[in-house]
Protein backbone atom coordinates (compact mmCIF):
# COMPACT_ATOMS: atom_id res chain seq x y z
CA MET A 1 0.00 0.00 0.00
CA ALA A 2 1.24 3.52 -0.78
CA ILE A 3 0.32 6.24 1.68
CA LYS A 4 0.89 9.97 1.30
CA ASN A 5 -0.13 12.50 3.95
CA GLY A 6 -2.18 9.80 5.71
CA LYS A 7 -4.15 8.99 2.56
CA VAL A 8 -3.98 5.69 0.67
CA VAL A 9 -2.84 6.61 -2.84
CA GLY A 10 -1.96 3.19 -4.23
CA HIS A 11 -2.45 -0.53 -3.71
CA ILE A 12 -1.00 -3.78 -5.04
CA LEU A 13 -2.09 -7.34 -4.35
CA PHE A 14 -0.44 -10.69 -5.02
CA SER A 15 -2.63 -13.80 -4.69
CA ARG A 16 -1.58 -17.45 -4.59
CA ILE A 17 -2.45 -19.36 -7.74
CA ASN A 18 -1.20 -22.53 -9.42
CA ILE A 19 -0.02 -23.71 -12.79
CA GLU A 20 -1.56 -27.08 -13.60
CA THR A 21 0.97 -29.26 -15.43
CA LYS A 22 0.96 -32.90 -16.51
CA VAL A 23 2.99 -33.81 -13.43
CA GLY A 24 1.21 -31.69 -10.82
CA LEU A 25 0.68 -28.16 -9.57
CA VAL A 26 3.37 -25.50 -9.63
CA PRO A 27 2.77 -22.62 -7.19
CA ALA A 28 2.72 -19.07 -8.54
CA LEU A 29 1.34 -15.65 -7.71
CA ALA A 30 -1.16 -13.49 -9.59
CA LEU A 31 -0.56 -9.76 -9.55
CA ALA A 32 -4.01 -8.18 -9.43
CA PRO A 33 -5.17 -5.61 -8.78
CA MET A 34 -2.73 -2.74 -8.77
CA ALA A 35 -4.23 0.72 -8.62
CA VAL A 36 -3.07 4.28 -8.05
CA HIS A 37 -5.43 7.14 -7.22
CA PRO A 38 -5.79 9.36 -10.32
CA GLU A 39 -4.32 12.39 -8.52
CA PHE A 40 -1.08 10.45 -7.96
CA GLN A 41 -0.69 8.66 -11.28
CA ASN A 42 2.40 9.25 -13.45
CA GLN A 43 4.44 10.11 -10.36
CA GLY A 44 6.15 6.73 -9.89
CA VAL A 45 3.78 5.40 -7.22
CA GLY A 46 2.77 2.33 -9.24
CA SER A 47 6.35 1.59 -10.26
CA GLU A 48 7.53 1.75 -6.66
CA LEU A 49 4.64 -0.45 -5.50
CA LEU A 50 5.55 -2.98 -8.17
CA ARG A 51 9.31 -2.91 -7.45
CA GLN A 52 8.83 -3.30 -3.70
CA GLY A 53 6.05 -5.87 -4.11
CA LEU A 54 8.14 -8.06 -6.40
CA GLU A 55 11.12 -7.81 -4.06
CA ARG A 56 8.99 -8.88 -1.09
CA CYS A 57 7.59 -11.80 -3.10
CA ARG A 58 11.14 -12.85 -4.01
CA ASN A 59 12.28 -12.54 -0.37
CA LEU A 60 9.35 -14.73 0.73
CA GLY A 61 10.53 -17.47 -1.63
CA HIS A 62 8.02 -17.07 -4.45
CA SER A 63 9.40 -17.74 -7.90
CA VAL A 64 6.67 -16.97 -10.49
CA VAL A 65 4.29 -14.01 -10.93
CA ILE A 66 1.53 -13.88 -13.57
CA VAL A 67 -0.21 -10.68 -14.66
CA VAL A 68 -2.86 -9.76 -17.17
CA GLY A 69 -1.99 -6.15 -17.72
CA HIS A 70 -0.96 -3.29 -19.93
CA PRO A 71 1.41 -4.57 -22.64
CA THR A 72 3.91 -1.71 -22.32
CA TYR A 73 3.81 -1.13 -18.56
CA TYR A 74 5.01 -4.50 -17.24
CA PRO A 75 7.84 -5.57 -19.62
CA PRO A 76 10.35 -3.02 -18.22
CA PHE A 77 9.99 -4.85 -14.88
CA GLY A 78 10.94 -8.14 -16.55
CA PHE A 79 7.52 -9.53 -17.51
CA THR A 80 7.40 -11.45 -20.79
CA SER A 81 4.82 -13.39 -22.76
CA ALA A 82 3.40 -16.19 -20.62
CA ARG A 83 2.44 -18.23 -23.68
CA ARG A 84 6.01 -18.14 -24.98
CA LYS A 85 7.01 -19.65 -21.64
CA GLY A 86 4.49 -22.48 -22.13
CA LEU A 87 1.59 -21.17 -20.05
CA GLU A 88 -2.08 -20.90 -20.97
CA ALA A 89 -4.85 -18.81 -19.44
CA PRO A 90 -8.21 -20.30 -18.41
CA PHE A 91 -10.02 -17.47 -20.19
CA PRO A 92 -9.65 -15.68 -23.53
CA VAL A 93 -6.79 -13.18 -23.34
CA SER A 94 -4.38 -11.84 -25.94
CA ASP A 95 -0.72 -12.82 -25.85
CA GLU A 96 0.43 -9.24 -25.39
CA VAL A 97 -1.34 -8.77 -22.02
CA PHE A 98 -0.86 -12.29 -20.57
CA MET A 99 2.59 -12.05 -18.98
CA VAL A 100 4.85 -13.83 -16.52
CA LEU A 101 7.93 -12.97 -14.48
CA GLU A 102 10.37 -15.53 -13.13
CA LEU A 103 11.49 -14.17 -9.76
CA ALA A 104 13.94 -17.07 -9.57
CA PRO A 105 15.93 -17.69 -12.76
CA GLY A 106 14.78 -20.88 -14.47
CA ALA A 107 11.64 -21.20 -12.34
CA LEU A 108 9.60 -22.11 -15.43
CA LYS A 109 12.13 -24.49 -16.96
CA ASN A 110 10.16 -27.56 -18.08
CA VAL A 111 6.90 -26.01 -16.77
CA LYS A 112 4.05 -26.00 -19.27
CA GLY A 113 0.42 -25.81 -18.33
CA MET A 114 -2.74 -23.94 -17.46
CA VAL A 115 -2.78 -21.08 -14.97
CA ILE A 116 -5.47 -21.82 -12.38
CA TYR A 117 -7.02 -18.92 -10.50
CA PRO A 118 -9.11 -19.33 -7.32
CA PRO A 119 -12.90 -19.09 -7.77
CA GLU A 120 -12.90 -15.58 -6.27
CA PHE A 121 -11.25 -14.27 -9.46
CA GLU A 122 -14.35 -15.31 -11.43
CA GLU A 123 -16.48 -12.97 -9.33
CA VAL A 124 -14.65 -9.83 -10.45
């Protein structure tokens, strides 16, 4: 959460998800949602939330983060095409917005499968 002058100006959330493969489930995280109050957009709040959030995820031992997001915003942080890494989404989504980041190098080596979101994601 980003706070300025006692007011929440930004928020980021990482949720536990799985990648279903032929040999079992691989744990991952979904990045969603991330939001910055309009008055504070384009001031680096979102970028700082993302940098710090990813670092905390890495420090907690997580190795994979999936996002469905803006195709030009996330790649500078290391996100790449999830489909090119062998992942599929359980819903229709274009390649350019379905992205993944390996927090641990090689985390997706030999991992191919369907990203499985908890039922709560279907309610949004």
